[in-house]
N, C-alpha and C. Protein backbone atom coordinates (compact mmCIF):
# COMPACT_ATOMS: atom_id res chain seq x y z
N MET A 1 0.84 -1.20 0.00
CA MET A 1 0.00 0.00 0.00
C MET A 1 0.88 1.25 0.00
N THR A 2 0.55 2.21 -0.84
CA THR A 2 1.33 3.45 -0.93
C THR A 2 1.10 4.30 0.31
N LYS A 3 1.99 5.28 0.47
CA LYS A 3 1.87 6.18 1.62
C LYS A 3 0.57 6.95 1.57
N ASP A 4 0.20 7.46 0.37
CA ASP A 4 -1.04 8.21 0.22
C ASP A 4 -2.25 7.34 0.52
N GLY A 5 -2.18 6.08 0.05
CA GLY A 5 -3.29 5.16 0.30
C GLY A 5 -3.45 4.86 1.78
N GLY A 6 -2.30 4.70 2.46
CA GLY A 6 -2.36 4.44 3.89
C GLY A 6 -2.92 5.62 4.67
N GLU A 7 -2.55 6.83 4.25
CA GLU A 7 -3.07 8.02 4.92
C GLU A 7 -4.57 8.16 4.72
N LYS A 8 -5.04 7.87 3.51
CA LYS A 8 -6.47 7.96 3.23
C LYS A 8 -7.25 6.93 4.03
N THR A 9 -6.68 5.71 4.12
CA THR A 9 -7.34 4.66 4.89
C THR A 9 -7.41 5.03 6.36
N GLY A 10 -6.29 5.57 6.88
CA GLY A 10 -6.27 5.99 8.28
C GLY A 10 -7.25 7.11 8.55
N LYS A 11 -7.36 8.05 7.60
CA LYS A 11 -8.29 9.16 7.75
C LYS A 11 -9.73 8.68 7.77
N MET A 12 -10.06 7.75 6.87
CA MET A 12 -11.42 7.20 6.83
C MET A 12 -11.72 6.43 8.11
N THR A 13 -10.73 5.69 8.60
CA THR A 13 -10.93 4.90 9.80
C THR A 13 -11.21 5.77 11.01
N ARG A 14 -10.38 6.79 11.22
CA ARG A 14 -10.57 7.64 12.39
C ARG A 14 -11.86 8.46 12.29
N ASN A 15 -12.20 8.92 11.07
CA ASN A 15 -13.46 9.64 10.91
C ASN A 15 -14.65 8.74 11.21
N GLY A 16 -14.54 7.49 10.76
CA GLY A 16 -15.60 6.53 11.03
C GLY A 16 -15.76 6.25 12.51
N LEU A 17 -14.64 6.13 13.23
CA LEU A 17 -14.70 5.88 14.67
C LEU A 17 -15.30 7.07 15.41
N LEU A 18 -14.89 8.27 15.04
CA LEU A 18 -15.42 9.47 15.69
C LEU A 18 -16.91 9.65 15.38
N LEU A 19 -17.30 9.35 14.14
CA LEU A 19 -18.72 9.45 13.77
C LEU A 19 -19.54 8.41 14.52
N ALA A 20 -19.02 7.20 14.65
CA ALA A 20 -19.73 6.16 15.39
C ALA A 20 -19.89 6.56 16.85
N THR A 21 -18.86 7.15 17.43
CA THR A 21 -18.93 7.62 18.82
C THR A 21 -20.02 8.69 18.97
N ALA A 22 -20.04 9.63 18.02
CA ALA A 22 -21.05 10.69 18.06
C ALA A 22 -22.46 10.12 17.93
N LEU A 23 -22.64 9.13 17.06
CA LEU A 23 -23.96 8.52 16.87
C LEU A 23 -24.43 7.80 18.12
N VAL A 24 -23.53 7.07 18.76
CA VAL A 24 -23.89 6.35 19.98
C VAL A 24 -24.30 7.33 21.08
N LEU A 25 -23.52 8.39 21.25
CA LEU A 25 -23.85 9.38 22.28
C LEU A 25 -25.16 10.11 21.97
N SER A 26 -25.39 10.38 20.68
CA SER A 26 -26.65 11.02 20.28
C SER A 26 -27.83 10.11 20.56
N TYR A 27 -27.67 8.82 20.33
CA TYR A 27 -28.75 7.87 20.58
C TYR A 27 -29.06 7.79 22.07
N ILE A 28 -28.02 7.79 22.90
CA ILE A 28 -28.23 7.77 24.35
C ILE A 28 -29.03 8.98 24.80
N GLU A 29 -28.74 10.14 24.19
CA GLU A 29 -29.47 11.36 24.54
C GLU A 29 -30.95 11.26 24.19
N THR A 30 -31.28 10.55 23.11
CA THR A 30 -32.70 10.42 22.75
C THR A 30 -33.45 9.56 23.76
N LEU A 31 -32.74 8.74 24.52
CA LEU A 31 -33.39 7.89 25.51
C LEU A 31 -33.66 8.62 26.82
N ILE A 32 -32.83 9.63 27.12
CA ILE A 32 -33.00 10.36 28.38
C ILE A 32 -33.00 11.87 28.12
N PRO A 33 -34.04 12.39 27.46
CA PRO A 33 -34.10 13.83 27.19
C PRO A 33 -34.33 14.62 28.46
N PHE A 34 -33.80 15.84 28.49
CA PHE A 34 -33.98 16.70 29.65
C PHE A 34 -35.36 17.34 29.68
N PHE A 35 -35.85 17.73 28.49
CA PHE A 35 -37.09 18.48 28.43
C PHE A 35 -38.07 17.81 27.48
N SER A 36 -39.30 18.27 27.51
CA SER A 36 -40.33 17.70 26.66
C SER A 36 -40.40 18.40 25.31
N LEU A 37 -39.45 19.29 25.03
CA LEU A 37 -39.45 19.96 23.74
C LEU A 37 -39.08 18.99 22.64
N GLU A 38 -39.40 19.38 21.40
CA GLU A 38 -39.14 18.51 20.27
C GLU A 38 -37.65 18.38 19.97
N PHE A 39 -36.90 19.45 20.26
CA PHE A 39 -35.50 19.37 19.88
C PHE A 39 -34.71 18.47 20.83
N ARG A 40 -33.65 17.92 20.27
CA ARG A 40 -32.83 16.99 21.02
C ARG A 40 -31.44 17.60 21.24
N ASP A 41 -30.51 16.74 21.66
CA ASP A 41 -29.12 17.15 21.87
C ASP A 41 -28.96 18.18 22.99
N GLU A 42 -29.88 18.19 23.96
CA GLU A 42 -29.76 19.18 25.03
C GLU A 42 -28.45 19.00 25.79
N ALA A 43 -28.05 17.75 26.02
CA ALA A 43 -26.83 17.51 26.78
C ALA A 43 -25.60 17.76 25.93
N GLY A 44 -25.72 17.56 24.63
CA GLY A 44 -24.60 17.84 23.74
C GLY A 44 -23.43 16.90 23.92
N SER A 45 -23.67 15.68 24.41
CA SER A 45 -22.57 14.75 24.65
C SER A 45 -21.84 14.36 23.36
N SER A 46 -22.56 14.40 22.23
CA SER A 46 -21.91 14.07 20.96
C SER A 46 -20.87 15.10 20.56
N ASN A 47 -20.88 16.27 21.25
CA ASN A 47 -19.85 17.27 21.02
C ASN A 47 -18.46 16.75 21.36
N LEU A 48 -18.41 15.69 22.16
CA LEU A 48 -17.12 15.10 22.51
C LEU A 48 -16.35 14.68 21.26
N ALA A 49 -17.03 13.96 20.36
CA ALA A 49 -16.38 13.50 19.13
C ALA A 49 -16.03 14.66 18.22
N VAL A 50 -16.93 15.65 18.16
CA VAL A 50 -16.69 16.82 17.31
C VAL A 50 -15.51 17.64 17.83
N LEU A 51 -15.46 17.83 19.14
CA LEU A 51 -14.37 18.60 19.74
C LEU A 51 -13.04 17.87 19.58
N LEU A 52 -13.06 16.55 19.72
CA LEU A 52 -11.84 15.77 19.50
C LEU A 52 -11.33 15.97 18.08
N ALA A 53 -12.24 15.87 17.11
CA ALA A 53 -11.84 16.05 15.71
C ALA A 53 -11.32 17.46 15.47
N LEU A 54 -11.97 18.45 16.09
CA LEU A 54 -11.56 19.84 15.92
C LEU A 54 -10.16 20.08 16.48
N LEU A 55 -9.89 19.51 17.65
CA LEU A 55 -8.60 19.70 18.29
C LEU A 55 -7.47 18.96 17.57
N LEU A 56 -7.77 17.75 17.11
CA LEU A 56 -6.72 16.90 16.57
C LEU A 56 -6.51 17.04 15.07
N TYR A 57 -7.59 17.36 14.34
CA TYR A 57 -7.48 17.31 12.88
C TYR A 57 -7.92 18.58 12.16
N GLY A 58 -8.57 19.49 12.85
CA GLY A 58 -8.96 20.72 12.19
C GLY A 58 -10.45 20.80 11.91
N TRP A 59 -10.89 21.96 11.44
CA TRP A 59 -12.32 22.23 11.32
C TRP A 59 -13.00 21.46 10.20
N ARG A 60 -12.27 21.12 9.15
CA ARG A 60 -12.92 20.43 8.02
C ARG A 60 -13.43 19.05 8.43
N GLU A 61 -12.58 18.27 9.06
CA GLU A 61 -13.01 16.94 9.49
C GLU A 61 -14.06 17.03 10.59
N ALA A 62 -13.90 18.00 11.49
CA ALA A 62 -14.89 18.16 12.56
C ALA A 62 -16.25 18.55 11.98
N LEU A 63 -16.26 19.42 10.98
CA LEU A 63 -17.51 19.83 10.34
C LEU A 63 -18.17 18.65 9.64
N LEU A 64 -17.37 17.84 8.96
CA LEU A 64 -17.91 16.66 8.27
C LEU A 64 -18.57 15.71 9.26
N ILE A 65 -17.88 15.43 10.35
CA ILE A 65 -18.43 14.53 11.36
C ILE A 65 -19.69 15.12 11.98
N ASN A 66 -19.69 16.41 12.21
CA ASN A 66 -20.84 17.08 12.82
C ASN A 66 -22.08 16.98 11.94
N VAL A 67 -21.93 17.29 10.66
CA VAL A 67 -23.07 17.26 9.73
C VAL A 67 -23.58 15.84 9.55
N LEU A 68 -22.67 14.89 9.35
CA LEU A 68 -23.08 13.50 9.16
C LEU A 68 -23.78 12.97 10.41
N ARG A 69 -23.28 13.34 11.57
CA ARG A 69 -23.88 12.90 12.82
C ARG A 69 -25.31 13.40 12.95
N ILE A 70 -25.53 14.66 12.62
CA ILE A 70 -26.87 15.25 12.75
C ILE A 70 -27.85 14.61 11.78
N VAL A 71 -27.44 14.47 10.52
CA VAL A 71 -28.33 13.91 9.51
C VAL A 71 -28.65 12.46 9.82
N LEU A 72 -27.64 11.66 10.14
CA LEU A 72 -27.88 10.24 10.43
C LEU A 72 -28.70 10.05 11.69
N THR A 73 -28.41 10.83 12.72
CA THR A 73 -29.19 10.73 13.96
C THR A 73 -30.64 11.12 13.72
N GLY A 74 -30.85 12.17 12.91
CA GLY A 74 -32.21 12.60 12.62
C GLY A 74 -33.02 11.54 11.90
N PHE A 75 -32.40 10.91 10.90
CA PHE A 75 -33.11 9.88 10.14
C PHE A 75 -33.29 8.59 10.93
N LEU A 76 -32.33 8.28 11.79
CA LEU A 76 -32.40 7.02 12.53
C LEU A 76 -33.28 7.12 13.77
N PHE A 77 -33.17 8.22 14.52
CA PHE A 77 -33.82 8.31 15.81
C PHE A 77 -34.80 9.48 15.94
N GLY A 78 -34.86 10.35 14.95
CA GLY A 78 -35.70 11.54 15.08
C GLY A 78 -36.57 11.79 13.87
N ASN A 79 -36.67 13.05 13.49
CA ASN A 79 -37.49 13.44 12.35
C ASN A 79 -36.90 14.73 11.76
N LEU A 80 -37.64 15.32 10.82
CA LEU A 80 -37.14 16.52 10.15
C LEU A 80 -36.94 17.67 11.12
N PHE A 81 -37.86 17.82 12.09
CA PHE A 81 -37.73 18.91 13.05
C PHE A 81 -36.50 18.74 13.93
N SER A 82 -36.24 17.51 14.34
CA SER A 82 -35.07 17.28 15.18
C SER A 82 -33.79 17.57 14.42
N ILE A 83 -33.79 17.31 13.11
CA ILE A 83 -32.62 17.62 12.28
C ILE A 83 -32.41 19.13 12.22
N LEU A 84 -33.50 19.88 12.01
CA LEU A 84 -33.39 21.34 11.93
C LEU A 84 -32.92 21.94 13.25
N PHE A 85 -33.49 21.48 14.36
CA PHE A 85 -33.07 21.99 15.66
C PHE A 85 -31.61 21.65 15.94
N SER A 86 -31.23 20.42 15.61
CA SER A 86 -29.85 20.00 15.85
C SER A 86 -28.87 20.78 14.99
N LEU A 87 -29.26 21.05 13.74
CA LEU A 87 -28.39 21.83 12.85
C LEU A 87 -28.17 23.24 13.40
N ALA A 88 -29.24 23.83 13.93
CA ALA A 88 -29.11 25.18 14.49
C ALA A 88 -28.17 25.19 15.68
N GLY A 89 -28.36 24.25 16.59
CA GLY A 89 -27.48 24.18 17.75
C GLY A 89 -26.06 23.84 17.39
N ALA A 90 -25.91 22.89 16.47
CA ALA A 90 -24.57 22.46 16.08
C ALA A 90 -23.81 23.56 15.35
N ALA A 91 -24.52 24.34 14.53
CA ALA A 91 -23.87 25.43 13.80
C ALA A 91 -23.33 26.48 14.77
N ALA A 92 -24.16 26.87 15.75
CA ALA A 92 -23.73 27.86 16.74
C ALA A 92 -22.56 27.33 17.57
N SER A 93 -22.70 26.08 18.00
CA SER A 93 -21.66 25.47 18.82
C SER A 93 -20.34 25.33 18.06
N PHE A 94 -20.44 24.89 16.81
CA PHE A 94 -19.23 24.65 16.02
C PHE A 94 -18.47 25.94 15.75
N VAL A 95 -19.19 26.98 15.38
CA VAL A 95 -18.54 28.26 15.09
C VAL A 95 -17.84 28.80 16.34
N VAL A 96 -18.52 28.74 17.48
CA VAL A 96 -17.93 29.23 18.72
C VAL A 96 -16.68 28.44 19.09
N MET A 97 -16.77 27.11 19.06
CA MET A 97 -15.62 26.28 19.43
C MET A 97 -14.47 26.46 18.45
N MET A 98 -14.77 26.57 17.17
CA MET A 98 -13.72 26.75 16.16
C MET A 98 -12.96 28.04 16.40
N LEU A 99 -13.69 29.12 16.69
CA LEU A 99 -13.05 30.41 16.94
C LEU A 99 -12.20 30.38 18.21
N LEU A 100 -12.72 29.72 19.25
CA LEU A 100 -11.98 29.65 20.50
C LEU A 100 -10.73 28.80 20.38
N VAL A 101 -10.82 27.70 19.61
CA VAL A 101 -9.63 26.87 19.38
C VAL A 101 -8.59 27.66 18.59
N LYS A 102 -9.06 28.40 17.60
CA LYS A 102 -8.14 29.19 16.78
C LYS A 102 -7.47 30.29 17.59
N ARG A 103 -8.24 30.94 18.46
CA ARG A 103 -7.70 32.05 19.27
C ARG A 103 -6.94 31.56 20.49
N LYS A 104 -7.18 30.31 20.87
CA LYS A 104 -6.54 29.73 22.06
C LYS A 104 -6.80 30.58 23.31
N ILE A 105 -8.05 31.01 23.45
CA ILE A 105 -8.43 31.86 24.58
C ILE A 105 -8.65 31.04 25.85
N PHE A 106 -9.36 29.92 25.72
CA PHE A 106 -9.68 29.08 26.87
C PHE A 106 -9.00 27.72 26.73
N GLY A 107 -9.07 26.97 27.83
CA GLY A 107 -8.65 25.59 27.79
C GLY A 107 -9.74 24.73 27.18
N ILE A 108 -9.51 23.44 27.14
CA ILE A 108 -10.46 22.53 26.50
C ILE A 108 -11.81 22.55 27.22
N ALA A 109 -11.80 22.58 28.55
CA ALA A 109 -13.05 22.61 29.30
C ALA A 109 -13.83 23.89 29.01
N GLY A 110 -13.13 25.02 28.95
CA GLY A 110 -13.79 26.29 28.63
C GLY A 110 -14.38 26.30 27.24
N ILE A 111 -13.65 25.74 26.29
CA ILE A 111 -14.15 25.66 24.91
C ILE A 111 -15.39 24.78 24.85
N SER A 112 -15.35 23.67 25.56
CA SER A 112 -16.49 22.75 25.58
C SER A 112 -17.71 23.39 26.23
N ILE A 113 -17.52 24.14 27.31
CA ILE A 113 -18.63 24.83 27.98
C ILE A 113 -19.25 25.85 27.03
N ALA A 114 -18.40 26.64 26.37
CA ALA A 114 -18.91 27.64 25.42
C ALA A 114 -19.69 26.97 24.30
N GLY A 115 -19.18 25.84 23.83
CA GLY A 115 -19.88 25.10 22.78
C GLY A 115 -21.21 24.55 23.24
N GLY A 116 -21.24 24.02 24.48
CA GLY A 116 -22.49 23.46 25.01
C GLY A 116 -23.56 24.52 25.21
N VAL A 117 -23.17 25.67 25.76
CA VAL A 117 -24.12 26.75 26.00
C VAL A 117 -24.64 27.32 24.68
N SER A 118 -23.73 27.58 23.74
CA SER A 118 -24.15 28.14 22.45
C SER A 118 -25.01 27.14 21.67
N HIS A 119 -24.74 25.87 21.85
CA HIS A 119 -25.55 24.82 21.21
C HIS A 119 -27.00 24.91 21.67
N ASN A 120 -27.19 24.99 22.98
CA ASN A 120 -28.54 25.04 23.53
C ASN A 120 -29.25 26.35 23.20
N ILE A 121 -28.51 27.45 23.23
CA ILE A 121 -29.11 28.76 22.92
C ILE A 121 -29.53 28.80 21.44
N GLY A 122 -28.71 28.25 20.57
CA GLY A 122 -29.05 28.20 19.15
C GLY A 122 -30.34 27.44 18.92
N GLN A 123 -30.47 26.29 19.58
CA GLN A 123 -31.71 25.50 19.46
C GLN A 123 -32.90 26.25 20.02
N LEU A 124 -32.67 26.97 21.12
CA LEU A 124 -33.76 27.68 21.76
C LEU A 124 -34.33 28.77 20.87
N PHE A 125 -33.47 29.52 20.18
CA PHE A 125 -33.94 30.57 19.29
C PHE A 125 -34.71 30.00 18.11
N VAL A 126 -34.26 28.86 17.59
CA VAL A 126 -35.00 28.22 16.50
C VAL A 126 -36.36 27.75 16.99
N ALA A 127 -36.40 27.20 18.21
CA ALA A 127 -37.68 26.75 18.78
C ALA A 127 -38.64 27.92 18.96
N ALA A 128 -38.10 29.06 19.43
CA ALA A 128 -38.95 30.25 19.61
C ALA A 128 -39.50 30.73 18.27
N PHE A 129 -38.70 30.63 17.23
CA PHE A 129 -39.14 31.04 15.89
C PHE A 129 -40.21 30.10 15.36
N VAL A 130 -40.05 28.80 15.60
CA VAL A 130 -41.00 27.81 15.07
C VAL A 130 -42.35 27.93 15.76
N VAL A 131 -42.34 28.01 17.09
CA VAL A 131 -43.62 28.07 17.82
C VAL A 131 -44.18 29.49 17.89
N LYS A 132 -43.36 30.47 17.43
CA LYS A 132 -43.78 31.87 17.34
C LYS A 132 -44.27 32.43 18.67
N THR A 133 -43.50 32.15 19.70
CA THR A 133 -43.79 32.73 21.01
C THR A 133 -42.48 32.90 21.77
N SER A 134 -42.39 34.01 22.49
CA SER A 134 -41.18 34.26 23.27
C SER A 134 -41.22 33.55 24.62
N GLY A 135 -42.36 32.95 24.95
CA GLY A 135 -42.48 32.27 26.22
C GLY A 135 -41.51 31.12 26.38
N ILE A 136 -41.12 30.56 25.25
CA ILE A 136 -40.20 29.42 25.30
C ILE A 136 -38.81 29.83 25.77
N LEU A 137 -38.54 31.13 25.75
CA LEU A 137 -37.24 31.62 26.19
C LEU A 137 -37.06 31.45 27.70
N TYR A 138 -38.14 31.11 28.41
CA TYR A 138 -38.01 30.82 29.84
C TYR A 138 -37.14 29.59 30.08
N TYR A 139 -36.97 28.78 29.03
CA TYR A 139 -36.10 27.61 29.14
C TYR A 139 -34.62 28.00 29.10
N ALA A 140 -34.34 29.27 28.84
CA ALA A 140 -32.95 29.70 28.66
C ALA A 140 -32.08 29.37 29.87
N ALA A 141 -32.56 29.71 31.07
CA ALA A 141 -31.76 29.51 32.28
C ALA A 141 -31.39 28.04 32.49
N PRO A 142 -32.38 27.12 32.50
CA PRO A 142 -32.01 25.71 32.69
C PRO A 142 -31.15 25.17 31.56
N LEU A 143 -31.36 25.66 30.33
CA LEU A 143 -30.55 25.20 29.21
C LEU A 143 -29.11 25.69 29.33
N ILE A 144 -28.93 26.90 29.80
CA ILE A 144 -27.58 27.42 30.00
C ILE A 144 -26.87 26.64 31.10
N ILE A 145 -27.60 26.35 32.17
CA ILE A 145 -27.02 25.56 33.26
C ILE A 145 -26.65 24.16 32.76
N ALA A 146 -27.57 23.54 32.01
CA ALA A 146 -27.32 22.20 31.48
C ALA A 146 -26.11 22.22 30.54
N GLY A 147 -26.04 23.25 29.68
CA GLY A 147 -24.92 23.35 28.75
C GLY A 147 -23.60 23.56 29.47
N THR A 148 -23.63 24.31 30.57
CA THR A 148 -22.41 24.56 31.34
C THR A 148 -21.92 23.29 32.03
N VAL A 149 -22.83 22.59 32.68
CA VAL A 149 -22.45 21.38 33.42
C VAL A 149 -21.95 20.29 32.47
N THR A 150 -22.77 20.00 31.45
CA THR A 150 -22.38 18.94 30.53
C THR A 150 -21.16 19.35 29.70
N GLY A 151 -21.06 20.64 29.37
CA GLY A 151 -19.90 21.11 28.63
C GLY A 151 -18.62 20.93 29.43
N PHE A 152 -18.69 21.20 30.73
CA PHE A 152 -17.52 21.02 31.59
C PHE A 152 -17.12 19.54 31.65
N LEU A 153 -18.10 18.66 31.84
CA LEU A 153 -17.81 17.23 31.92
C LEU A 153 -17.24 16.70 30.60
N ILE A 154 -17.83 17.15 29.50
CA ILE A 154 -17.35 16.72 28.19
C ILE A 154 -15.93 17.25 27.94
N GLY A 155 -15.67 18.47 28.40
CA GLY A 155 -14.34 19.04 28.25
C GLY A 155 -13.29 18.24 29.00
N ILE A 156 -13.63 17.80 30.21
CA ILE A 156 -12.70 17.00 31.00
C ILE A 156 -12.43 15.67 30.32
N VAL A 157 -13.49 15.03 29.82
CA VAL A 157 -13.32 13.75 29.13
C VAL A 157 -12.52 13.93 27.84
N THR A 158 -12.78 15.02 27.12
CA THR A 158 -12.06 15.29 25.88
C THR A 158 -10.58 15.51 26.14
N ALA A 159 -10.26 16.29 27.17
CA ALA A 159 -8.86 16.54 27.52
C ALA A 159 -8.16 15.24 27.89
N GLY A 160 -8.84 14.40 28.67
CA GLY A 160 -8.26 13.10 29.03
C GLY A 160 -8.07 12.21 27.83
N SER A 161 -9.04 12.24 26.92
CA SER A 161 -8.94 11.41 25.71
C SER A 161 -7.78 11.86 24.83
N CYS A 162 -7.63 13.17 24.68
CA CYS A 162 -6.53 13.70 23.87
C CYS A 162 -5.18 13.29 24.46
N ALA A 163 -5.07 13.39 25.78
CA ALA A 163 -3.82 13.02 26.44
C ALA A 163 -3.54 11.53 26.27
N LEU A 164 -4.59 10.70 26.37
CA LEU A 164 -4.42 9.26 26.22
C LEU A 164 -4.02 8.90 24.80
N PHE A 165 -4.69 9.51 23.81
CA PHE A 165 -4.36 9.24 22.41
C PHE A 165 -2.93 9.65 22.10
N LYS A 166 -2.51 10.77 22.68
CA LYS A 166 -1.16 11.25 22.44
C LYS A 166 -0.14 10.32 23.08
N LYS A 167 -0.44 9.86 24.29
CA LYS A 167 0.48 8.98 25.00
C LYS A 167 0.62 7.64 24.29
N ARG A 168 -0.52 7.09 23.87
CA ARG A 168 -0.52 5.78 23.21
C ARG A 168 -0.19 5.87 21.73
N ARG A 169 -0.18 7.11 21.22
CA ARG A 169 0.08 7.34 19.80
C ARG A 169 -0.96 6.64 18.91
N TRP A 170 -2.21 6.60 19.41
CA TRP A 170 -3.29 6.02 18.62
C TRP A 170 -3.72 6.96 17.51
N ILE A 171 -3.62 8.26 17.79
CA ILE A 171 -4.03 9.27 16.82
C ILE A 171 -2.92 10.28 16.69
N ARG A 172 -2.57 10.62 15.48
CA ARG A 172 -1.52 11.59 15.24
C ARG A 172 -2.15 12.95 14.96
N ALA A 173 -2.00 13.86 15.90
CA ALA A 173 -2.60 15.18 15.74
C ALA A 173 -1.84 15.98 14.70
N LYS A 174 -2.58 16.72 13.88
CA LYS A 174 -1.97 17.50 12.81
C LYS A 174 -2.16 18.99 13.00
N ARG A 175 -3.21 19.40 13.67
CA ARG A 175 -3.58 20.81 13.70
C ARG A 175 -3.10 21.53 14.94
N VAL A 176 -3.35 20.95 16.10
CA VAL A 176 -3.00 21.62 17.35
C VAL A 176 -2.35 20.63 18.28
N ARG A 177 -1.63 21.15 19.27
CA ARG A 177 -1.11 20.32 20.34
C ARG A 177 -1.99 20.50 21.55
N VAL A 178 -2.21 19.42 22.26
CA VAL A 178 -3.01 19.47 23.47
C VAL A 178 -2.11 19.17 24.64
N GLU A 179 -1.98 20.12 25.54
CA GLU A 179 -1.13 19.97 26.70
C GLU A 179 -2.00 20.06 27.95
N GLY A 180 -2.37 18.90 28.50
CA GLY A 180 -3.28 18.91 29.63
C GLY A 180 -4.63 19.43 29.20
N ASN A 181 -5.04 20.53 29.81
CA ASN A 181 -6.31 21.17 29.45
C ASN A 181 -6.06 22.39 28.57
N ARG A 182 -4.86 22.52 27.97
CA ARG A 182 -4.52 23.68 27.16
C ARG A 182 -4.47 23.31 25.69
N VAL A 183 -4.75 24.31 24.86
CA VAL A 183 -4.65 24.15 23.42
C VAL A 183 -3.48 25.00 22.95
N ALA A 184 -2.52 24.37 22.26
CA ALA A 184 -1.34 25.09 21.80
C ALA A 184 -1.27 25.05 20.29
N ASN A 185 -0.45 25.91 19.73
CA ASN A 185 -0.28 25.97 18.28
C ASN A 185 0.28 24.67 17.76
N GLY A 186 -0.26 24.20 16.62
CA GLY A 186 0.18 22.94 16.04
C GLY A 186 1.50 23.02 15.32
N ARG A 187 1.99 24.20 15.00
CA ARG A 187 3.26 24.36 14.32
C ARG A 187 4.38 24.33 15.34
N LYS A 188 5.19 23.33 15.27
CA LYS A 188 6.23 23.14 16.27
C LYS A 188 7.56 23.70 15.78
N ARG A 189 8.29 24.31 16.69
CA ARG A 189 9.62 24.78 16.35
C ARG A 189 10.61 23.64 16.54
N LYS A 190 11.57 23.55 15.65
CA LYS A 190 12.54 22.47 15.72
C LYS A 190 13.41 22.59 16.96
N LYS A 191 13.79 23.82 17.32
CA LYS A 191 14.64 24.03 18.48
C LYS A 191 13.86 23.83 19.76
N GLY A 192 14.46 23.04 20.65
CA GLY A 192 13.84 22.85 21.95
C GLY A 192 12.58 22.05 21.92
N LEU A 193 12.30 21.34 20.84
CA LEU A 193 11.05 20.59 20.73
C LEU A 193 11.01 19.46 21.74
N GLN A 194 12.13 18.80 21.93
CA GLN A 194 12.15 17.68 22.87
C GLN A 194 11.87 18.15 24.28
N GLY A 195 12.24 19.38 24.57
CA GLY A 195 11.97 19.88 25.91
C GLY A 195 10.53 20.28 26.11
N VAL A 196 9.81 20.52 24.99
CA VAL A 196 8.40 20.92 25.09
C VAL A 196 7.52 19.72 25.24
N GLU A 197 7.75 18.70 24.43
CA GLU A 197 6.91 17.51 24.44
C GLU A 197 7.73 16.31 24.88
N LYS A 198 7.20 15.57 25.80
CA LYS A 198 7.88 14.36 26.26
C LYS A 198 7.09 13.17 25.80
């Protein structure tokens, strides 16, 4: 097998694993919803796979996994409305996390919290537009709390997963370096590199 062929196979494999992880987490969420609203993904646990892809491989692969996860989850476990609500939340969450990763403003937990909160707020605004009443905005407070708590937990798990993958060399990061709960620039300087990464 050529080098290019091996890289393509590895890319397909890791994308498939991350997508499968996102689908499983999305399915679990459909079994234990927080609210009686039509939209799903309130916990945003599938953001774990998306955030992993964003940190390790960049926004293109993360976006692909995110879109495929939403469409497949909608057709398998939901309906057209759940797809629309999920797309709204995922779009808001993805843009926020992508910008924060690029700016390196917060650690992984902070990025995950921002993604979780923006995910729920995005869904809430779409829900308010669909039902044409502002009364639904009363859900904002519990949704923000839920997004903060689950975002923090997902951030901790994501940071641990990144560290484990790096230690075991299961996944070769190309875009950014993950140091504990920090996000660092993926471009490494040749000088002093051994002293930076062990």
